[in-house]
Amino acid sequence: MERRSDGPRVALEATALIRVDVLGPAIRSRIMNASQQGMLLVMPDSRPVGTRIRVTVQIGEPQREITVVGIIVHTSTMESIDPRFTSRIGIFLTETGEDWRALCDSLARLAPKKRR
């Protein structure tokens, strides 16, 4: 678990559906880690920095959905064994709800503590 100014960034392996355009098709993605104010995900191709993006997180059994909105703040191309995910995208979240904050808090409590 890494400490950042927006709180702990915790592992969150979850499916995400991304929409760059409200009317456009959803793009399947994977979230790698998250915090209350941001997330890192992998997706099929990159989008420009500054792009507004809506992410619907699908998590749990029974499955529930949490939707957040943010802005892409960094991108990088990566070599991957899985050709579906070749871009790594960092997102600063601009719209979240209590359900997102509760998820991040519960993941932070479950994360192993770092030894000093």
PDB file of N, CA and C in Angstrom:
ATOM      1  N   MET A   1       0.852  -1.171   0.000  1.00  0.00           N
ATOM      2  CA  MET A   1       0.000   0.000   0.000  1.00  0.00           C
ATOM      3  C   MET A   1       0.896   1.231   0.000  1.00  0.00           C
ATOM      4  N   GLU A   2       0.660   2.118  -0.921  1.00  0.00           N
ATOM      5  CA  GLU A   2       1.447   3.320  -1.063  1.00  0.00           C
ATOM      6  C   GLU A   2       0.690   4.510  -0.491  1.00  0.00           C
ATOM      7  N   ARG A   3       1.390   5.409   0.227  1.00  0.00           N
ATOM      8  CA  ARG A   3       0.752   6.596   0.793  1.00  0.00           C
ATOM      9  C   ARG A   3       0.874   7.746  -0.190  1.00  0.00           C
ATOM     10  N   ARG A   4      -0.213   8.413  -0.435  1.00  0.00           N
ATOM     11  CA  ARG A   4      -0.216   9.600  -1.282  1.00  0.00           C
ATOM     12  C   ARG A   4      -0.972  10.690  -0.546  1.00  0.00           C
ATOM     13  N   SER A   5      -0.980  11.891  -1.102  1.00  0.00           N
ATOM     14  CA  SER A   5      -1.646  13.002  -0.433  1.00  0.00           C
ATOM     15  C   SER A   5      -3.157  12.811  -0.339  1.00  0.00           C
ATOM     16  N   ASP A   6      -3.722  11.949  -1.167  1.00  0.00           N
ATOM     17  CA  ASP A   6      -5.169  11.733  -1.111  1.00  0.00           C
ATOM     18  C   ASP A   6      -5.529  10.492  -0.312  1.00  0.00           C
ATOM     19  N   GLY A   7      -4.622  10.012   0.499  1.00  0.00           N
ATOM     20  CA  GLY A   7      -4.889   8.829   1.321  1.00  0.00           C
ATOM     21  C   GLY A   7      -4.209   7.611   0.735  1.00  0.00           C
ATOM     22  N   PRO A   8      -4.389   6.484   1.393  1.00  0.00           N
ATOM     23  CA  PRO A   8      -3.713   5.282   0.923  1.00  0.00           C
ATOM     24  C   PRO A   8      -4.272   4.805  -0.409  1.00  0.00           C
ATOM     25  N   ARG A   9      -3.380   4.364  -1.275  1.00  0.00           N
ATOM     26  CA  ARG A   9      -3.783   3.764  -2.536  1.00  0.00           C
ATOM     27  C   ARG A   9      -3.757   2.267  -2.296  1.00  0.00           C
ATOM     28  N   VAL A  10      -4.875   1.606  -2.505  1.00  0.00           N
ATOM     29  CA  VAL A  10      -4.996   0.191  -2.180  1.00  0.00           C
ATOM     30  C   VAL A  10      -5.275  -0.625  -3.435  1.00  0.00           C
ATOM     31  N   ALA A  11      -4.873  -1.894  -3.392  1.00  0.00           N
ATOM     32  CA  ALA A  11      -5.133  -2.787  -4.511  1.00  0.00           C
ATOM     33  C   ALA A  11      -6.633  -2.973  -4.655  1.00  0.00           C
ATOM     34  N   LEU A  12      -7.092  -2.894  -5.871  1.00  0.00           N
ATOM     35  CA  LEU A  12      -8.510  -3.128  -6.163  1.00  0.00           C
ATOM     36  C   LEU A  12      -8.560  -3.749  -7.544  1.00  0.00           C
ATOM     37  N   GLU A  13      -8.687  -5.055  -7.593  1.00  0.00           N
ATOM     38  CA  GLU A  13      -8.800  -5.706  -8.891  1.00  0.00           C
ATOM     39  C   GLU A  13     -10.277  -5.879  -9.178  1.00  0.00           C
ATOM     40  N   ALA A  14     -10.782  -5.029 -10.062  1.00  0.00           N
ATOM     41  CA  ALA A  14     -12.205  -5.039 -10.371  1.00  0.00           C
ATOM     42  C   ALA A  14     -12.404  -4.727 -11.844  1.00  0.00           C
ATOM     43  N   THR A  15     -13.495  -5.214 -12.387  1.00  0.00           N
ATOM     44  CA  THR A  15     -13.870  -4.884 -13.746  1.00  0.00           C
ATOM     45  C   THR A  15     -14.445  -3.479 -13.754  1.00  0.00           C
ATOM     46  N   ALA A  16     -14.128  -2.730 -14.797  1.00  0.00           N
ATOM     47  CA  ALA A  16     -14.673  -1.385 -14.938  1.00  0.00           C
ATOM     48  C   ALA A  16     -15.184  -1.198 -16.359  1.00  0.00           C
ATOM     49  N   LEU A  17     -16.290  -0.524 -16.481  1.00  0.00           N
ATOM     50  CA  LEU A  17     -16.818  -0.130 -17.781  1.00  0.00           C
ATOM     51  C   LEU A  17     -16.599   1.369 -17.900  1.00  0.00           C
ATOM     52  N   ILE A  18     -15.917   1.783 -18.972  1.00  0.00           N
ATOM     53  CA  ILE A  18     -15.542   3.182 -19.143  1.00  0.00           C
ATOM     54  C   ILE A  18     -16.350   3.784 -20.279  1.00  0.00           C
ATOM     55  N   ARG A  19     -16.807   5.002 -20.052  1.00  0.00           N
ATOM     56  CA  ARG A  19     -17.469   5.753 -21.116  1.00  0.00           C
ATOM     57  C   ARG A  19     -16.778   7.105 -21.228  1.00  0.00           C
ATOM     58  N   VAL A  20     -16.264   7.376 -22.436  1.00  0.00           N
ATOM     59  CA  VAL A  20     -15.664   8.676 -22.702  1.00  0.00           C
ATOM     60  C   VAL A  20     -16.755   9.622 -23.179  1.00  0.00           C
ATOM     61  N   ASP A  21     -17.707   9.088 -23.930  1.00  0.00           N
ATOM     62  CA  ASP A  21     -18.851   9.840 -24.422  1.00  0.00           C
ATOM     63  C   ASP A  21     -20.091   9.194 -23.811  1.00  0.00           C
ATOM     64  N   VAL A  22     -20.963   9.977 -23.218  1.00  0.00           N
ATOM     65  CA  VAL A  22     -22.132   9.441 -22.526  1.00  0.00           C
ATOM     66  C   VAL A  22     -22.932   8.497 -23.423  1.00  0.00           C
ATOM     67  N   LEU A  23     -23.028   8.799 -24.701  1.00  0.00           N
ATOM     68  CA  LEU A  23     -23.813   7.985 -25.622  1.00  0.00           C
ATOM     69  C   LEU A  23     -22.992   6.883 -26.289  1.00  0.00           C
ATOM     70  N   GLY A  24     -21.681   6.933 -26.145  1.00  0.00           N
ATOM     71  CA  GLY A  24     -20.821   5.959 -26.809  1.00  0.00           C
ATOM     72  C   GLY A  24     -20.847   4.601 -26.127  1.00  0.00           C
ATOM     73  N   PRO A  25     -20.231   3.626 -26.774  1.00  0.00           N
ATOM     74  CA  PRO A  25     -20.196   2.281 -26.201  1.00  0.00           C
ATOM     75  C   PRO A  25     -19.280   2.222 -24.973  1.00  0.00           C
ATOM     76  N   ALA A  26     -19.576   1.294 -24.079  1.00  0.00           N
ATOM     77  CA  ALA A  26     -18.727   1.096 -22.900  1.00  0.00           C
ATOM     78  C   ALA A  26     -17.485   0.320 -23.309  1.00  0.00           C
ATOM     79  N   ILE A  27     -16.357   0.668 -22.719  1.00  0.00           N
ATOM     80  CA  ILE A  27     -15.081  -0.013 -22.961  1.00  0.00           C
ATOM     81  C   ILE A  27     -14.751  -0.811 -21.708  1.00  0.00           C
ATOM     82  N   ARG A  28     -14.493  -2.108 -21.861  1.00  0.00           N
ATOM     83  CA  ARG A  28     -14.121  -2.944 -20.714  1.00  0.00           C
ATOM     84  C   ARG A  28     -12.692  -2.639 -20.292  1.00  0.00           C
ATOM     85  N   SER A  29     -12.482  -2.579 -18.991  1.00  0.00           N
ATOM     86  CA  SER A  29     -11.197  -2.225 -18.428  1.00  0.00           C
ATOM     87  C   SER A  29     -11.011  -2.972 -17.115  1.00  0.00           C
ATOM     88  N   ARG A  30      -9.817  -2.834 -16.519  1.00  0.00           N
ATOM     89  CA  ARG A  30      -9.529  -3.397 -15.195  1.00  0.00           C
ATOM     90  C   ARG A  30      -8.917  -2.313 -14.332  1.00  0.00           C
ATOM     91  N   ILE A  31      -9.406  -2.197 -13.109  1.00  0.00           N
ATOM     92  CA  ILE A  31      -8.820  -1.271 -12.132  1.00  0.00           C
ATOM     93  C   ILE A  31      -7.699  -2.017 -11.417  1.00  0.00           C
ATOM     94  N   MET A  32      -6.554  -1.368 -11.280  1.00  0.00           N
ATOM     95  CA  MET A  32      -5.400  -1.980 -10.609  1.00  0.00           C
ATOM     96  C   MET A  32      -5.293  -1.528  -9.157  1.00  0.00           C
ATOM     97  N   ASN A  33      -5.469  -0.221  -8.927  1.00  0.00           N
ATOM     98  CA  ASN A  33      -5.489   0.286  -7.558  1.00  0.00           C
ATOM     99  C   ASN A  33      -6.319   1.560  -7.515  1.00  0.00           C
ATOM    100  N   ALA A  34      -6.668   1.954  -6.294  1.00  0.00           N
ATOM    101  CA  ALA A  34      -7.582   3.088  -6.170  1.00  0.00           C
ATOM    102  C   ALA A  34      -7.407   3.773  -4.830  1.00  0.00           C
ATOM    103  N   SER A  35      -7.870   5.007  -4.775  1.00  0.00           N
ATOM    104  CA  SER A  35      -7.960   5.764  -3.525  1.00  0.00           C
ATOM    105  C   SER A  35      -9.244   6.588  -3.623  1.00  0.00           C
ATOM    106  N   GLN A  36      -9.534   7.342  -2.597  1.00  0.00           N
ATOM    107  CA  GLN A  36     -10.760   8.138  -2.630  1.00  0.00           C
ATOM    108  C   GLN A  36     -10.752   9.186  -3.736  1.00  0.00           C
ATOM    109  N   GLN A  37      -9.555   9.600  -4.172  1.00  0.00           N
ATOM    110  CA  GLN A  37      -9.488  10.656  -5.177  1.00  0.00           C
ATOM    111  C   GLN A  37      -8.878  10.238  -6.506  1.00  0.00           C
ATOM    112  N   GLY A  38      -8.576   8.954  -6.684  1.00  0.00           N
ATOM    113  CA  GLY A  38      -7.984   8.560  -7.951  1.00  0.00           C
ATOM    114  C   GLY A  38      -7.964   7.066  -8.150  1.00  0.00           C
ATOM    115  N   MET A  39      -7.593   6.668  -9.369  1.00  0.00           N
ATOM    116  CA  MET A  39      -7.458   5.245  -9.657  1.00  0.00           C
ATOM    117  C   MET A  39      -6.493   5.058 -10.816  1.00  0.00           C
ATOM    118  N   LEU A  40      -5.926   3.858 -10.855  1.00  0.00           N
ATOM    119  CA  LEU A  40      -5.065   3.443 -11.954  1.00  0.00           C
ATOM    120  C   LEU A  40      -5.759   2.269 -12.604  1.00  0.00           C
ATOM    121  N   LEU A  41      -5.962   2.360 -13.920  1.00  0.00           N
ATOM    122  CA  LEU A  41      -6.588   1.246 -14.603  1.00  0.00           C
ATOM    123  C   LEU A  41      -5.859   0.938 -15.892  1.00  0.00           C
ATOM    124  N   VAL A  42      -6.123  -0.244 -16.419  1.00  0.00           N
ATOM    125  CA  VAL A  42      -5.583  -0.639 -17.714  1.00  0.00           C
ATOM    126  C   VAL A  42      -6.758  -0.797 -18.666  1.00  0.00           C
ATOM    127  N   MET A  43      -6.520  -0.405 -19.915  1.00  0.00           N
ATOM    128  CA  MET A  43      -7.574  -0.470 -20.912  1.00  0.00           C
ATOM    129  C   MET A  43      -6.977  -0.756 -22.281  1.00  0.00           C
ATOM    130  N   PRO A  44      -7.808  -1.017 -23.291  1.00  0.00           N
ATOM    131  CA  PRO A  44      -7.293  -1.413 -24.598  1.00  0.00           C
ATOM    132  C   PRO A  44      -6.441  -0.360 -25.293  1.00  0.00           C
ATOM    133  N   ASP A  45      -6.797   0.901 -25.191  1.00  0.00           N
ATOM    134  CA  ASP A  45      -5.992   1.940 -25.821  1.00  0.00           C
ATOM    135  C   ASP A  45      -6.091   3.218 -25.010  1.00  0.00           C
ATOM    136  N   SER A  46      -5.141   4.088 -25.244  1.00  0.00           N
ATOM    137  CA  SER A  46      -5.010   5.309 -24.460  1.00  0.00           C
ATOM    138  C   SER A  46      -5.991   6.382 -24.926  1.00  0.00           C
ATOM    139  N   ARG A  47      -6.251   7.304 -24.048  1.00  0.00           N
ATOM    140  CA  ARG A  47      -7.008   8.520 -24.353  1.00  0.00           C
ATOM    141  C   ARG A  47      -6.121   9.683 -23.928  1.00  0.00           C
ATOM    142  N   PRO A  48      -6.330  10.871 -24.504  1.00  0.00           N
ATOM    143  CA  PRO A  48      -5.467  12.011 -24.160  1.00  0.00           C
ATOM    144  C   PRO A  48      -5.636  12.475 -22.712  1.00  0.00           C
ATOM    145  N   VAL A  49      -4.554  12.983 -22.142  1.00  0.00           N
ATOM    146  CA  VAL A  49      -4.609  13.614 -20.826  1.00  0.00           C
ATOM    147  C   VAL A  49      -5.618  14.758 -20.916  1.00  0.00           C
ATOM    148  N   GLY A  50      -6.441  14.903 -19.887  1.00  0.00           N
ATOM    149  CA  GLY A  50      -7.467  15.933 -19.862  1.00  0.00           C
ATOM    150  C   GLY A  50      -8.845  15.429 -20.268  1.00  0.00           C
ATOM    151  N   THR A  51      -8.914  14.204 -20.782  1.00  0.00           N
ATOM    152  CA  THR A  51     -10.196  13.634 -21.182  1.00  0.00           C
ATOM    153  C   THR A  51     -11.039  13.331 -19.955  1.00  0.00           C
ATOM    154  N   ARG A  52     -12.304  13.775 -19.972  1.00  0.00           N
ATOM    155  CA  ARG A  52     -13.249  13.421 -18.897  1.00  0.00           C
ATOM    156  C   ARG A  52     -13.721  12.000 -19.155  1.00  0.00           C
ATOM    157  N   ILE A  53     -13.851  11.236 -18.087  1.00  0.00           N
ATOM    158  CA  ILE A  53     -14.160   9.824 -18.218  1.00  0.00           C
ATOM    159  C   ILE A  53     -15.104   9.392 -17.103  1.00  0.00           C
ATOM    160  N   ARG A  54     -16.077   8.557 -17.434  1.00  0.00           N
ATOM    161  CA  ARG A  54     -17.016   7.997 -16.453  1.00  0.00           C
ATOM    162  C   ARG A  54     -16.664   6.520 -16.305  1.00  0.00           C
ATOM    163  N   VAL A  55     -16.461   6.085 -15.066  1.00  0.00           N
ATOM    164  CA  VAL A  55     -16.066   4.706 -14.792  1.00  0.00           C
ATOM    165  C   VAL A  55     -17.129   4.056 -13.910  1.00  0.00           C
ATOM    166  N   THR A  56     -17.667   2.940 -14.374  1.00  0.00           N
ATOM    167  CA  THR A  56     -18.598   2.147 -13.578  1.00  0.00           C
ATOM    168  C   THR A  56     -17.850   0.927 -13.085  1.00  0.00           C
ATOM    169  N   VAL A  57     -17.651   0.844 -11.791  1.00  0.00           N
ATOM    170  CA  VAL A  57     -16.918  -0.250 -11.165  1.00  0.00           C
ATOM    171  C   VAL A  57     -17.911  -1.369 -10.859  1.00  0.00           C
ATOM    172  N   GLN A  58     -17.574  -2.573 -11.289  1.00  0.00           N
ATOM    173  CA  GLN A  58     -18.400  -3.746 -10.995  1.00  0.00           C
ATOM    174  C   GLN A  58     -17.643  -4.597 -10.000  1.00  0.00           C
ATOM    175  N   ILE A  59     -18.228  -4.789  -8.823  1.00  0.00           N
ATOM    176  CA  ILE A  59     -17.500  -5.460  -7.745  1.00  0.00           C
ATOM    177  C   ILE A  59     -18.450  -6.290  -6.886  1.00  0.00           C
ATOM    178  N   GLY A  60     -17.909  -7.358  -6.313  1.00  0.00           N
ATOM    179  CA  GLY A  60     -18.618  -8.136  -5.316  1.00  0.00           C
ATOM    180  C   GLY A  60     -19.530  -9.210  -5.862  1.00  0.00           C
ATOM    181  N   GLU A  61     -19.981 -10.038  -4.937  1.00  0.00           N
ATOM    182  CA  GLU A  61     -20.967 -11.086  -5.203  1.00  0.00           C
ATOM    183  C   GLU A  61     -22.025 -10.995  -4.125  1.00  0.00           C
ATOM    184  N   PRO A  62     -23.240 -10.662  -4.379  1.00  0.00           N
ATOM    185  CA  PRO A  62     -23.754 -10.362  -5.710  1.00  0.00           C
ATOM    186  C   PRO A  62     -23.147  -9.057  -6.227  1.00  0.00           C
ATOM    187  N   GLN A  63     -23.020  -8.974  -7.523  1.00  0.00           N
ATOM    188  CA  GLN A  63     -22.350  -7.838  -8.142  1.00  0.00           C
ATOM    189  C   GLN A  63     -23.107  -6.541  -7.884  1.00  0.00           C
ATOM    190  N   ARG A  64     -22.339  -5.498  -7.538  1.00  0.00           N
ATOM    191  CA  ARG A  64     -22.917  -4.163  -7.416  1.00  0.00           C
ATOM    192  C   ARG A  64     -22.079  -3.217  -8.254  1.00  0.00           C
ATOM    193  N   GLU A  65     -22.648  -2.085  -8.581  1.00  0.00           N
ATOM    194  CA  GLU A  65     -21.959  -1.108  -9.416  1.00  0.00           C
ATOM    195  C   GLU A  65     -21.818   0.220  -8.684  1.00  0.00           C
ATOM    196  N   ILE A  66     -20.645   0.822  -8.843  1.00  0.00           N
ATOM    197  CA  ILE A  66     -20.368   2.149  -8.297  1.00  0.00           C
ATOM    198  C   ILE A  66     -19.856   2.989  -9.462  1.00  0.00           C
ATOM    199  N   THR A  67     -20.458   4.143  -9.695  1.00  0.00           N
ATOM    200  CA  THR A  67     -20.036   4.997 -10.803  1.00  0.00           C
ATOM    201  C   THR A  67     -19.338   6.242 -10.265  1.00  0.00           C
ATOM    202  N   VAL A  68     -18.176   6.552 -10.870  1.00  0.00           N
ATOM    203  CA  VAL A  68     -17.404   7.742 -10.531  1.00  0.00           C
ATOM    204  C   VAL A  68     -17.039   8.458 -11.834  1.00  0.00           C
ATOM    205  N   VAL A  69     -16.693   9.729 -11.712  1.00  0.00           N
ATOM    206  CA  VAL A  69     -16.301  10.525 -12.875  1.00  0.00           C
ATOM    207  C   VAL A  69     -14.962  11.166 -12.566  1.00  0.00           C
ATOM    208  N   GLY A  70     -14.100  11.265 -13.588  1.00  0.00           N
ATOM    209  CA  GLY A  70     -12.804  11.883 -13.369  1.00  0.00           C
ATOM    210  C   GLY A  70     -12.186  12.393 -14.651  1.00  0.00           C
ATOM    211  N   ILE A  71     -10.930  12.799 -14.518  1.00  0.00           N
ATOM    212  CA  ILE A  71     -10.152  13.342 -15.630  1.00  0.00           C
ATOM    213  C   ILE A  71      -8.861  12.535 -15.733  1.00  0.00           C
ATOM    214  N   ILE A  72      -8.510  12.144 -16.948  1.00  0.00           N
ATOM    215  CA  ILE A  72      -7.248  11.421 -17.157  1.00  0.00           C
ATOM    216  C   ILE A  72      -6.098  12.386 -16.909  1.00  0.00           C
ATOM    217  N   VAL A  73      -5.183  12.001 -16.002  1.00  0.00           N
ATOM    218  CA  VAL A  73      -4.045  12.866 -15.673  1.00  0.00           C
ATOM    219  C   VAL A  73      -2.708  12.300 -16.155  1.00  0.00           C
ATOM    220  N   HIS A  74      -2.661  11.011 -16.456  1.00  0.00           N
ATOM    221  CA  HIS A  74      -1.463  10.463 -17.103  1.00  0.00           C
ATOM    222  C   HIS A  74      -1.797   9.167 -17.813  1.00  0.00           C
ATOM    223  N   THR A  75      -1.012   8.879 -18.844  1.00  0.00           N
ATOM    224  CA  THR A  75      -1.188   7.652 -19.611  1.00  0.00           C
ATOM    225  C   THR A  75       0.176   7.080 -19.949  1.00  0.00           C
ATOM    226  N   SER A  76       0.225   5.769 -20.124  1.00  0.00           N
ATOM    227  CA  SER A  76       1.442   5.135 -20.617  1.00  0.00           C
ATOM    228  C   SER A  76       1.059   3.850 -21.333  1.00  0.00           C
ATOM    229  N   THR A  77       1.865   3.517 -22.321  1.00  0.00           N
ATOM    230  CA  THR A  77       1.671   2.270 -23.048  1.00  0.00           C
ATOM    231  C   THR A  77       2.490   1.213 -22.345  1.00  0.00           C
ATOM    232  N   MET A  78       1.962  -0.001 -22.308  1.00  0.00           N
ATOM    233  CA  MET A  78       2.691  -1.064 -21.636  1.00  0.00           C
ATOM    234  C   MET A  78       2.635  -2.331 -22.471  1.00  0.00           C
ATOM    235  N   GLU A  79       3.665  -3.126 -22.327  1.00  0.00           N
ATOM    236  CA  GLU A  79       3.667  -4.448 -22.939  1.00  0.00           C
ATOM    237  C   GLU A  79       2.912  -5.351 -21.995  1.00  0.00           C
ATOM    238  N   SER A  80       2.024  -6.143 -22.532  1.00  0.00           N
ATOM    239  CA  SER A  80       1.185  -6.962 -21.684  1.00  0.00           C
ATOM    240  C   SER A  80       0.994  -8.334 -22.314  1.00  0.00           C
ATOM    241  N   ILE A  81       0.852  -9.326 -21.467  1.00  0.00           N
ATOM    242  CA  ILE A  81       0.559 -10.655 -21.989  1.00  0.00           C
ATOM    243  C   ILE A  81      -0.887 -10.696 -22.478  1.00  0.00           C
ATOM    244  N   ASP A  82      -1.695  -9.818 -21.945  1.00  0.00           N
ATOM    245  CA  ASP A  82      -3.101  -9.758 -22.316  1.00  0.00           C
ATOM    246  C   ASP A  82      -3.298  -8.610 -23.315  1.00  0.00           C
ATOM    247  N   PRO A  83      -3.514  -8.923 -24.588  1.00  0.00           N
ATOM    248  CA  PRO A  83      -3.624  -7.863 -25.602  1.00  0.00           C
ATOM    249  C   PRO A  83      -4.843  -6.959 -25.432  1.00  0.00           C
ATOM    250  N   ARG A  84      -5.768  -7.327 -24.531  1.00  0.00           N
ATOM    251  CA  ARG A  84      -6.932  -6.458 -24.290  1.00  0.00           C
ATOM    252  C   ARG A  84      -6.559  -5.212 -23.504  1.00  0.00           C
ATOM    253  N   PHE A  85      -5.425  -5.247 -22.802  1.00  0.00           N
ATOM    254  CA  PHE A  85      -5.058  -4.136 -21.927  1.00  0.00           C
ATOM    255  C   PHE A  85      -3.631  -3.688 -22.222  1.00  0.00           C
ATOM    256  N   THR A  86      -3.476  -2.677 -23.067  1.00  0.00           N
ATOM    257  CA  THR A  86      -2.144  -2.218 -23.454  1.00  0.00           C
ATOM    258  C   THR A  86      -1.817  -0.809 -22.963  1.00  0.00           C
ATOM    259  N   SER A  87      -2.772  -0.151 -22.322  1.00  0.00           N
ATOM    260  CA  SER A  87      -2.540   1.211 -21.822  1.00  0.00           C
ATOM    261  C   SER A  87      -2.852   1.289 -20.334  1.00  0.00           C
ATOM    262  N   ARG A  88      -2.009   2.026 -19.636  1.00  0.00           N
ATOM    263  CA  ARG A  88      -2.210   2.289 -18.204  1.00  0.00           C
ATOM    264  C   ARG A  88      -2.658   3.751 -18.092  1.00  0.00           C
ATOM    265  N   ILE A  89      -3.764   3.979 -17.373  1.00  0.00           N
ATOM    266  CA  ILE A  89      -4.385   5.297 -17.299  1.00  0.00           C
ATOM    267  C   ILE A  89      -4.538   5.715 -15.840  1.00  0.00           C
ATOM    268  N   GLY A  90      -4.034   6.892 -15.492  1.00  0.00           N
ATOM    269  CA  GLY A  90      -4.235   7.456 -14.158  1.00  0.00           C
ATOM    270  C   GLY A  90      -5.366   8.460 -14.206  1.00  0.00           C
ATOM    271  N   ILE A  91      -6.314   8.328 -13.280  1.00  0.00           N
ATOM    272  CA  ILE A  91      -7.495   9.189 -13.280  1.00  0.00           C
ATOM    273  C   ILE A  91      -7.616   9.915 -11.943  1.00  0.00           C
ATOM    274  N   PHE A  92      -7.807  11.227 -12.011  1.00  0.00           N
ATOM    275  CA  PHE A  92      -8.140  12.033 -10.836  1.00  0.00           C
ATOM    276  C   PHE A  92      -9.654  12.104 -10.786  1.00  0.00           C
ATOM    277  N   LEU A  93     -10.251  11.651  -9.687  1.00  0.00           N
ATOM    278  CA  LEU A  93     -11.703  11.600  -9.581  1.00  0.00           C
ATOM    279  C   LEU A  93     -12.274  12.956  -9.184  1.00  0.00           C
ATOM    280  N   THR A  94     -13.266  13.389  -9.943  1.00  0.00           N
ATOM    281  CA  THR A  94     -13.910  14.681  -9.691  1.00  0.00           C
ATOM    282  C   THR A  94     -15.319  14.527  -9.134  1.00  0.00           C
ATOM    283  N   GLU A  95     -15.943  13.355  -9.341  1.00  0.00           N
ATOM    284  CA  GLU A  95     -17.280  13.099  -8.809  1.00  0.00           C
ATOM    285  C   GLU A  95     -17.323  11.674  -8.259  1.00  0.00           C
ATOM    286  N   THR A  96     -17.536  11.572  -6.956  1.00  0.00           N
ATOM    287  CA  THR A  96     -17.689  10.270  -6.308  1.00  0.00           C
ATOM    288  C   THR A  96     -18.876  10.367  -5.361  1.00  0.00           C
ATOM    289  N   GLY A  97     -19.217   9.275  -4.754  1.00  0.00           N
ATOM    290  CA  GLY A  97     -20.301   9.276  -3.784  1.00  0.00           C
ATOM    291  C   GLY A  97     -19.879   8.549  -2.526  1.00  0.00           C
ATOM    292  N   GLU A  98     -20.785   8.469  -1.597  1.00  0.00           N
ATOM    293  CA  GLU A  98     -20.513   7.803  -0.330  1.00  0.00           C
ATOM    294  C   GLU A  98     -20.152   6.335  -0.544  1.00  0.00           C
ATOM    295  N   ASP A  99     -20.762   5.692  -1.563  1.00  0.00           N
ATOM    296  CA  ASP A  99     -20.461   4.289  -1.824  1.00  0.00           C
ATOM    297  C   ASP A  99     -18.999   4.087  -2.220  1.00  0.00           C
ATOM    298  N   TRP A 100     -18.413   5.020  -2.989  1.00  0.00           N
ATOM    299  CA  TRP A 100     -16.999   4.929  -3.370  1.00  0.00           C
ATOM    300  C   TRP A 100     -16.099   5.141  -2.145  1.00  0.00           C
ATOM    301  N   ARG A 101     -16.412   6.147  -1.351  1.00  0.00           N
ATOM    302  CA  ARG A 101     -15.605   6.418  -0.156  1.00  0.00           C
ATOM    303  C   ARG A 101     -15.662   5.234   0.806  1.00  0.00           C
ATOM    304  N   ALA A 102     -16.832   4.633   0.970  1.00  0.00           N
ATOM    305  CA  ALA A 102     -16.972   3.475   1.862  1.00  0.00           C
ATOM    306  C   ALA A 102     -16.158   2.287   1.344  1.00  0.00           C
ATOM    307  N   LEU A 103     -16.168   2.070   0.031  1.00  0.00           N
ATOM    308  CA  LEU A 103     -15.370   0.982  -0.552  1.00  0.00           C
ATOM    309  C   LEU A 103     -13.886   1.210  -0.292  1.00  0.00           C
ATOM    310  N   CYS A 104     -13.392   2.417  -0.547  1.00  0.00           N
ATOM    311  CA  CYS A 104     -11.970   2.725  -0.325  1.00  0.00           C
ATOM    312  C   CYS A 104     -11.588   2.568   1.143  1.00  0.00           C
ATOM    313  N   ASP A 105     -12.453   3.026   2.048  1.00  0.00           N
ATOM    314  CA  ASP A 105     -12.186   2.885   3.485  1.00  0.00           C
ATOM    315  C   ASP A 105     -12.108   1.413   3.888  1.00  0.00           C
ATOM    316  N   SER A 106     -13.036   0.593   3.385  1.00  0.00           N
ATOM    317  CA  SER A 106     -13.028  -0.825   3.761  1.00  0.00           C
ATOM    318  C   SER A 106     -11.812  -1.540   3.188  1.00  0.00           C
ATOM    319  N   LEU A 107     -11.393  -1.190   1.971  1.00  0.00           N
ATOM    320  CA  LEU A 107     -10.191  -1.803   1.391  1.00  0.00           C
ATOM    321  C   LEU A 107      -8.939  -1.390   2.162  1.00  0.00           C
ATOM    322  N   ALA A 108      -8.883  -0.129   2.605  1.00  0.00           N
ATOM    323  CA  ALA A 108      -7.730   0.350   3.378  1.00  0.00           C
ATOM    324  C   ALA A 108      -7.620  -0.399   4.708  1.00  0.00           C
ATOM    325  N   ARG A 109      -8.764  -0.686   5.343  1.00  0.00           N
ATOM    326  CA  ARG A 109      -8.730  -1.440   6.613  1.00  0.00           C
ATOM    327  C   ARG A 109      -8.267  -2.874   6.401  1.00  0.00           C
ATOM    328  N   LEU A 110      -8.561  -3.458   5.245  1.00  0.00           N
ATOM    329  CA  LEU A 110      -8.190  -4.842   4.957  1.00  0.00           C
ATOM    330  C   LEU A 110      -6.762  -5.005   4.450  1.00  0.00           C
ATOM    331  N   ALA A 111      -6.163  -3.909   3.965  1.00  0.00           N
ATOM    332  CA  ALA A 111      -4.829  -3.980   3.390  1.00  0.00           C
ATOM    333  C   ALA A 111      -3.786  -4.330   4.450  1.00  0.00           C
ATOM    334  N   PRO A 112      -2.785  -5.148   4.072  1.00  0.00           N
ATOM    335  CA  PRO A 112      -1.727  -5.473   5.030  1.00  0.00           C
ATOM    336  C   PRO A 112      -0.964  -4.199   5.404  1.00  0.00           C
ATOM    337  N   LYS A 113      -0.608  -4.101   6.663  1.00  0.00           N
ATOM    338  CA  LYS A 113       0.136  -2.942   7.160  1.00  0.00           C
ATOM    339  C   LYS A 113       1.593  -3.063   6.729  1.00  0.00           C
ATOM    340  N   LYS A 114       2.177  -1.916   6.349  1.00  0.00           N
ATOM    341  CA  LYS A 114       3.594  -1.892   5.957  1.00  0.00           C
ATOM    342  C   LYS A 114       4.473  -1.992   7.190  1.00  0.00           C
ATOM    343  N   ARG A 115       5.522  -2.772   7.073  1.00  0.00           N
ATOM    344  CA  ARG A 115       6.520  -2.825   8.162  1.00  0.00           C
ATOM    345  C   ARG A 115       7.534  -1.731   7.948  1.00  0.00           C
ATOM    346  N   ARG A 116       8.015  -1.191   9.047  1.00  0.00           N
ATOM    347  CA  ARG A 116       9.025  -0.120   8.953  1.00  0.00           C
ATOM    348  C   ARG A 116      10.389  -0.655   9.237  1.00  0.00           C
TER     349      ARG A 116
END
